[in-house]
Amino acid sequence: MNSEVRTIPHWIVYCDGSAVPNPGRMGIGAVLLAPDGTRHAISQASDSRGCNNEAELMALTTALLEARRRGARAVTLYCDNSVIVEQLVGAPARPMARLASQFDAARQLIGGFEGLELRWIPRHRNGEADALARAALGLAIKPASKPTHRRR
């Protein structure tokens, strides 16, 4: 990120999607943190059915559209789905043909920001967005999972 982009007020966004069963009903959740500290939450169920990757991609695009609607020009976006992150940034990944048009739309949306970083985070660090996605489907919050460490 160049120094000019760093001077732009920066938003932090966490997003997650759920499909129950997988594939099945889809719900999305996102938390948007504005530069002034204001928090905005999204929790929506979709009228359509799809797989978990589709729900995750829908959450990402919905969160970015909302951030842009609120005036965001620079965003750090956190997603716990490594497949989505790999498809949108970094080295070319094996394409997901069924979702190609949705990935293209997400790439175009990402390109519309002056600065955008998309980062993978572990699921246990994305609990609020996950809870919002699950709540959209009327599901209970998953118990907090902790990273597992093996003892030798």
Protein backbone atom coordinates (compact mmCIF):
# COMPACT_ATOMS: atom_id res chain seq x y z
CA MET A 1 0.00 0.00 0.00
CA ASN A 2 1.50 3.35 -0.96
CA SER A 3 1.81 6.29 1.47
CA GLU A 4 -1.01 8.22 -0.23
CA VAL A 5 -3.48 5.40 0.47
CA ARG A 6 -2.40 5.27 4.13
CA THR A 7 -3.60 8.85 4.63
CA ILE A 8 -7.13 7.93 3.54
CA PRO A 9 -9.46 7.14 6.46
CA HIS A 10 -9.31 3.37 6.81
CA TRP A 11 -12.21 0.99 7.51
CA ILE A 12 -11.89 -2.49 9.05
CA VAL A 13 -14.41 -5.11 7.91
CA TYR A 14 -15.02 -8.68 9.12
CA CYS A 15 -17.35 -10.89 7.05
CA ASP A 16 -18.68 -14.43 7.16
CA GLY A 17 -21.29 -16.55 5.44
CA SER A 18 -23.21 -19.66 6.40
CA ALA A 19 -25.02 -22.29 4.38
CA VAL A 20 -27.25 -24.72 6.27
CA PRO A 21 -27.18 -27.49 5.27
CA ASN A 22 -24.27 -27.12 2.88
CA PRO A 23 -25.60 -26.44 0.26
CA GLY A 24 -28.76 -24.91 1.66
CA ARG A 25 -30.17 -21.70 3.05
CA MET A 26 -27.60 -18.90 3.13
CA GLY A 27 -27.00 -16.23 5.73
CA ILE A 28 -24.41 -13.49 5.81
CA GLY A 29 -22.84 -11.47 8.58
CA ALA A 30 -20.43 -8.56 8.65
CA VAL A 31 -19.03 -6.02 11.05
CA LEU A 32 -17.81 -2.70 9.64
CA LEU A 33 -15.62 -0.51 11.81
CA ALA A 34 -15.46 3.09 10.59
CA PRO A 35 -12.35 5.22 11.12
CA ASP A 36 -14.21 7.21 13.81
CA GLY A 37 -14.88 4.00 15.79
CA THR A 38 -18.52 3.61 14.74
CA ARG A 39 -19.62 -0.02 14.32
CA HIS A 40 -22.11 -1.17 11.70
CA ALA A 41 -23.46 -4.73 11.64
CA ILE A 42 -25.04 -6.70 8.81
CA SER A 43 -27.08 -9.86 9.39
CA GLN A 44 -29.16 -11.02 6.43
CA ALA A 45 -30.67 -14.22 5.11
CA SER A 46 -30.68 -14.83 1.38
CA ASP A 47 -33.77 -15.86 -0.56
CA SER A 48 -31.62 -18.22 -2.58
CA ARG A 49 -29.89 -21.46 -1.70
CA GLY A 50 -26.20 -22.12 -2.17
CA CYS A 51 -22.98 -23.54 -0.77
CA ASN A 52 -20.79 -22.17 2.00
CA ASN A 53 -18.33 -20.59 -0.47
CA GLU A 54 -21.22 -18.81 -2.18
CA ALA A 55 -22.49 -17.49 1.17
CA GLU A 56 -18.98 -16.30 2.09
CA LEU A 57 -18.61 -14.51 -1.24
CA MET A 58 -22.04 -12.93 -0.81
CA ALA A 59 -21.03 -11.71 2.66
CA LEU A 60 -17.83 -10.20 1.30
CA THR A 61 -19.53 -8.34 -1.55
CA THR A 62 -22.42 -7.14 0.63
CA ALA A 63 -19.97 -5.83 3.25
CA LEU A 64 -17.91 -4.01 0.62
CA LEU A 65 -21.02 -2.48 -0.97
CA GLU A 66 -22.14 -1.25 2.46
CA ALA A 67 -18.68 0.15 3.23
CA ARG A 68 -18.65 1.98 -0.09
CA ARG A 69 -22.20 3.27 0.52
CA ARG A 70 -20.98 4.70 3.83
CA GLY A 71 -18.09 6.47 2.11
CA ALA A 72 -15.20 4.05 2.64
CA ARG A 73 -12.32 4.47 0.22
CA ALA A 74 -9.74 2.24 1.94
CA VAL A 75 -10.58 -1.06 3.64
CA THR A 76 -8.87 -3.96 5.36
CA LEU A 77 -11.24 -6.89 4.94
CA TYR A 78 -10.95 -10.06 7.04
CA CYS A 79 -12.45 -13.36 5.89
CA ASP A 80 -12.07 -16.82 7.44
CA ASN A 81 -12.57 -18.69 4.17
CA SER A 82 -9.16 -19.42 2.66
CA VAL A 83 -10.69 -20.51 -0.66
CA ILE A 84 -12.32 -17.11 -1.16
CA VAL A 85 -9.15 -15.24 -0.19
CA GLU A 86 -7.00 -17.40 -2.49
CA GLN A 87 -9.38 -16.84 -5.40
CA LEU A 88 -9.35 -13.05 -4.96
CA VAL A 89 -5.71 -12.29 -4.08
CA GLY A 90 -2.28 -13.80 -4.33
CA ALA A 91 -1.19 -16.57 -6.61
CA PRO A 92 -3.72 -17.84 -9.13
CA ALA A 93 -5.81 -20.58 -7.57
CA ARG A 94 -7.77 -23.38 -9.15
CA PRO A 95 -10.89 -21.64 -10.47
CA MET A 96 -14.35 -22.30 -9.10
CA ALA A 97 -16.21 -22.31 -12.41
CA ARG A 98 -19.73 -22.30 -10.92
CA LEU A 99 -18.98 -19.08 -9.02
CA ALA A 100 -16.81 -17.41 -11.69
CA SER A 101 -19.21 -14.53 -12.37
CA GLN A 102 -19.57 -13.80 -8.66
CA PHE A 103 -15.78 -13.78 -8.25
CA ASP A 104 -15.50 -11.42 -11.22
CA ALA A 105 -18.06 -9.07 -9.63
CA ALA A 106 -16.15 -9.19 -6.32
CA ARG A 107 -12.86 -8.39 -8.09
CA GLN A 108 -14.47 -5.44 -9.85
CA LEU A 109 -15.88 -4.17 -6.55
CA ILE A 110 -12.47 -4.58 -4.85
CA GLY A 111 -10.84 -2.62 -7.68
CA GLY A 112 -13.18 0.30 -7.01
CA PHE A 113 -11.51 1.13 -3.69
CA GLU A 114 -8.43 3.34 -3.50
CA GLY A 115 -6.91 0.85 -1.10
CA LEU A 116 -8.09 -2.62 -0.16
CA GLU A 117 -6.35 -5.47 1.63
CA LEU A 118 -8.08 -8.83 1.88
CA ARG A 119 -6.69 -11.01 4.65
CA TRP A 120 -7.49 -14.51 5.83
CA ILE A 121 -8.03 -14.94 9.58
CA PRO A 122 -8.70 -18.09 11.58
CA ARG A 123 -12.37 -18.83 12.25
CA HIS A 124 -11.99 -18.32 16.01
CA ARG A 125 -11.01 -14.66 15.35
CA ASN A 126 -14.12 -14.00 13.25
CA GLY A 127 -16.75 -14.88 15.84
CA GLU A 128 -18.90 -11.76 15.63
CA ALA A 129 -19.38 -11.97 11.86
CA ASP A 130 -20.07 -15.72 12.17
CA ALA A 131 -22.68 -15.08 14.88
CA LEU A 132 -24.41 -12.51 12.65
CA ALA A 133 -24.47 -14.94 9.68
CA ARG A 134 -25.89 -17.71 11.87
CA ALA A 135 -28.42 -15.36 13.49
CA ALA A 136 -29.72 -14.44 10.02
CA LEU A 137 -30.68 -18.11 9.66
CA GLY A 138 -32.15 -18.37 13.17
CA LEU A 139 -29.26 -20.54 14.37
CA ALA A 140 -27.55 -20.46 17.74
CA ILE A 141 -24.08 -19.04 18.10
CA LYS A 142 -21.37 -21.68 17.87
CA PRO A 143 -19.36 -22.15 21.04
CA ALA A 144 -16.04 -20.35 20.86
CA SER A 145 -13.42 -22.62 19.45
CA LYS A 146 -9.86 -22.34 20.56
CA PRO A 147 -6.86 -23.17 18.47
CA THR A 148 -5.68 -26.64 19.32
CA HIS A 149 -2.09 -27.27 20.37
CA ARG A 150 -0.64 -30.73 20.67
CA ARG A 151 1.46 -31.62 23.66
CA ARG A 152 4.39 -33.85 23.10
